[in-house]
C-alpha atoms as a PDB file:
ATOM      1  CA  MET A   1      -0.138   0.065   0.036  1.00  0.00           C
ATOM      2  CA  TRP A   2       1.142   3.486  -0.505  1.00  0.00           C
ATOM      3  CA  PRO A   3       1.976   5.435   1.459  1.00  0.00           C
ATOM      4  CA  GLY A   4       3.344   3.060   4.043  1.00  0.00           C
ATOM      5  CA  SER A   5       1.319   4.482   6.948  1.00  0.00           C
ATOM      6  CA  SER A   6      -1.932   3.588   5.167  1.00  0.00           C
ATOM      7  CA  VAL A   7      -4.434   1.321   7.097  1.00  0.00           C
ATOM      8  CA  SER A   8      -6.799  -0.920   5.465  1.00  0.00           C
ATOM      9  CA  GLY A   9      -9.280  -3.455   6.858  1.00  0.00           C
ATOM     10  CA  LEU A  10     -12.437  -5.625   6.182  1.00  0.00           C
ATOM     11  CA  TYR A  11     -15.415  -4.642   8.151  1.00  0.00           C
ATOM     12  CA  PHE A  12     -18.410  -6.855   8.796  1.00  0.00           C
ATOM     13  CA  SER A  13     -21.367  -5.765  10.631  1.00  0.00           C
ATOM     14  CA  HIS A  14     -24.926  -7.231  11.470  1.00  0.00           C
ATOM     15  CA  ALA A  15     -28.154  -5.586  12.124  1.00  0.00           C
ATOM     16  CA  GLU A  16     -28.382  -7.610  15.345  1.00  0.00           C
ATOM     17  CA  SER A  17     -24.912  -6.918  16.487  1.00  0.00           C
ATOM     18  CA  PHE A  18     -23.955  -4.750  19.631  1.00  0.00           C
ATOM     19  CA  TYR A  19     -20.802  -3.783  21.492  1.00  0.00           C
ATOM     20  CA  PHE A  20     -20.080  -3.255  24.952  1.00  0.00           C
ATOM     21  CA  GLY A  21     -17.426  -1.499  27.164  1.00  0.00           C
ATOM     22  CA  VAL A  22     -15.346  -3.147  29.848  1.00  0.00           C
ATOM     23  CA  GLY A  23     -15.131  -1.141  33.147  1.00  0.00           C
ATOM     24  CA  LYS A  24     -12.370  -0.688  35.445  1.00  0.00           C
ATOM     25  CA  ILE A  25     -11.258  -3.401  37.734  1.00  0.00           C
ATOM     26  CA  GLU A  26     -10.806  -3.609  41.444  1.00  0.00           C
ATOM     27  CA  ARG A  27      -8.083  -5.170  43.483  1.00  0.00           C
ATOM     28  CA  ASP A  28     -10.210  -8.178  44.569  1.00  0.00           C
ATOM     29  CA  GLN A  29     -10.817  -9.007  40.935  1.00  0.00           C
ATOM     30  CA  VAL A  30      -6.933  -8.743  40.017  1.00  0.00           C
ATOM     31  CA  GLU A  31      -6.187 -11.116  43.103  1.00  0.00           C
ATOM     32  CA  ASP A  32      -8.642 -13.595  41.979  1.00  0.00           C
ATOM     33  CA  TYR A  33      -7.463 -13.636  38.395  1.00  0.00           C
ATOM     34  CA  ALA A  34      -3.973 -13.918  39.404  1.00  0.00           C
ATOM     35  CA  ALA A  35      -4.683 -17.028  41.541  1.00  0.00           C
ATOM     36  CA  ARG A  36      -6.709 -18.633  38.709  1.00  0.00           C
ATOM     37  CA  LYS A  37      -3.823 -17.940  36.273  1.00  0.00           C
ATOM     38  CA  GLY A  38      -0.975 -19.079  38.809  1.00  0.00           C
ATOM     39  CA  MET A  39       0.642 -15.623  38.469  1.00  0.00           C
ATOM     40  CA  SER A  40       1.616 -13.169  41.194  1.00  0.00           C
ATOM     41  CA  THR A  41      -0.533 -10.132  41.999  1.00  0.00           C
ATOM     42  CA  ALA A  42       2.251  -7.641  41.013  1.00  0.00           C
ATOM     43  CA  GLU A  43       2.849  -9.221  37.633  1.00  0.00           C
ATOM     44  CA  THR A  44      -0.944  -9.325  37.048  1.00  0.00           C
ATOM     45  CA  GLU A  45      -1.380  -5.758  37.887  1.00  0.00           C
ATOM     46  CA  ARG A  46       1.578  -4.810  35.461  1.00  0.00           C
ATOM     47  CA  TRP A  47      -0.415  -6.792  32.645  1.00  0.00           C
ATOM     48  CA  LEU A  48      -3.634  -5.183  33.603  1.00  0.00           C
ATOM     49  CA  ALA A  49      -2.450  -1.621  34.430  1.00  0.00           C
ATOM     50  CA  PRO A  50      -4.585   0.136  31.691  1.00  0.00           C
ATOM     51  CA  VAL A  51      -7.708  -1.192  33.160  1.00  0.00           C
ATOM     52  CA  LEU A  52      -7.203  -1.147  36.846  1.00  0.00           C
ATOM     53  CA  ASN A  53      -9.277   1.216  39.069  1.00  0.00           C
ATOM     54  CA  TYR A  54      -6.585   1.791  41.468  1.00  0.00           C
ATOM     55  CA  ILE A  55      -2.999   2.723  41.797  1.00  0.00           C
ATOM     56  CA  PRO A  56      -1.103  -0.489  42.473  1.00  0.00           C
ATOM     57  CA  ALA A  57       2.124   0.978  44.159  1.00  0.00           C
ATOM     58  CA  GLN A  58       0.369   3.494  46.388  1.00  0.00           C
ATOM     59  CA  ASP A  59      -2.353   0.842  47.268  1.00  0.00           C
ATOM     60  CA  GLN A  60       0.531  -1.651  48.412  1.00  0.00           C
ATOM     61  CA  VAL A  61       2.126   1.076  50.444  1.00  0.00           C
ATOM     62  CA  ALA A  62      -1.051   1.878  52.273  1.00  0.00           C
ATOM     63  CA  ARG A  63      -1.753  -1.624  52.879  1.00  0.00           C
ATOM     64  CA  ALA A  64       1.823  -2.193  54.340  1.00  0.00           C
ATOM     65  CA  ALA A  65       1.642   1.046  56.460  1.00  0.00           C
ATOM     66  CA  ALA A  66      -1.579   0.547  58.342  1.00  0.00           C
ATOM     67  CA  PRO A  67      -3.513  -2.447  59.611  1.00  0.00           C
ATOM     68  CA  ALA A  68      -6.791  -3.336  57.979  1.00  0.00           C
ATOM     69  CA  PRO A  69      -9.456  -0.363  58.311  1.00  0.00           C
ATOM     70  CA  MET A  70     -12.517  -0.749  59.921  1.00  0.00           C
ATOM     71  CA  VAL A  71     -14.336   1.139  57.023  1.00  0.00           C
ATOM     72  CA  ALA A  72     -13.417   0.379  53.387  1.00  0.00           C
ATOM     73  CA  VAL A  73     -12.047   3.492  51.583  1.00  0.00           C
ATOM     74  CA  PRO A  74     -14.435   4.067  48.317  1.00  0.00           C
ATOM     75  CA  ALA A  75     -12.630   3.297  45.009  1.00  0.00           C
ATOM     76  CA  ASN A  76     -13.697   6.617  43.895  1.00  0.00           C
ATOM     77  CA  ASP A  77     -11.651   8.343  46.639  1.00  0.00           C
ATOM     78  CA  VAL A  78     -10.130  11.267  44.648  1.00  0.00           C
ATOM     79  CA  THR A  79      -7.363  11.909  47.198  1.00  0.00           C
ATOM     80  CA  SER A  80      -5.793   8.628  46.863  1.00  0.00           C
ATOM     81  CA  HIS A  81      -4.573   9.166  43.210  1.00  0.00           C
ATOM     82  CA  PRO A  82      -1.579  11.448  42.150  1.00  0.00           C
ATOM     83  CA  PRO A  83      -2.069  14.993  40.947  1.00  0.00           C
ATOM     84  CA  GLY A  84      -2.915  15.067  37.159  1.00  0.00           C
ATOM     85  CA  CYS A  85      -4.215  11.353  37.243  1.00  0.00           C
ATOM     86  CA  THR A  86      -6.453  10.551  34.171  1.00  0.00           C
ATOM     87  CA  CYS A  87      -8.399   7.869  35.553  1.00  0.00           C
ATOM     88  CA  ALA A  88     -12.254   7.733  34.941  1.00  0.00           C
ATOM     89  CA  VAL A  89     -12.804   8.897  38.435  1.00  0.00           C
ATOM     90  CA  HIS A  90     -10.815  12.091  38.086  1.00  0.00           C
ATOM     91  CA  LEU A  91     -12.218  12.956  34.758  1.00  0.00           C
ATOM     92  CA  ALA A  92     -15.756  12.735  36.179  1.00  0.00           C
ATOM     93  CA  TYR A  93     -14.645  14.704  39.399  1.00  0.00           C
ATOM     94  CA  ARG A  94     -13.082  17.540  37.076  1.00  0.00           C
ATOM     95  CA  LYS A  95     -16.284  17.362  35.004  1.00  0.00           C
ATOM     96  CA  LYS A  96     -18.324  18.047  37.942  1.00  0.00           C
ATOM     97  CA  ALA A  97     -16.180  20.618  39.466  1.00  0.00           C
ATOM     98  CA  VAL A  98     -16.341  22.531  36.181  1.00  0.00           C
ATOM     99  CA  GLY A  99     -20.146  22.215  36.142  1.00  0.00           C
ATOM    100  CA  ALA A 100     -20.418  20.600  33.078  1.00  0.00           C
END
């Protein structure tokens, strides 16, 4: 094909076809998946990094530093993410803060 950066493909569709989105996954789902695949949690987190709903390094530090909390911290706690994070939680938070 010319030019070299061209893209081509065959696209098939059906009137009854539908698409779905996959949401972000939590730590319990990662741990379960890692156990089923016989992988370590850290390795699984590395492979699934784009779809995690938490930050693995901060989550591990928090778990090691403190005993299990009596009340679970919600996954959408904006303060647990680094500044400039572009996860779905922050995007929704910024949109709400702007008033859009």
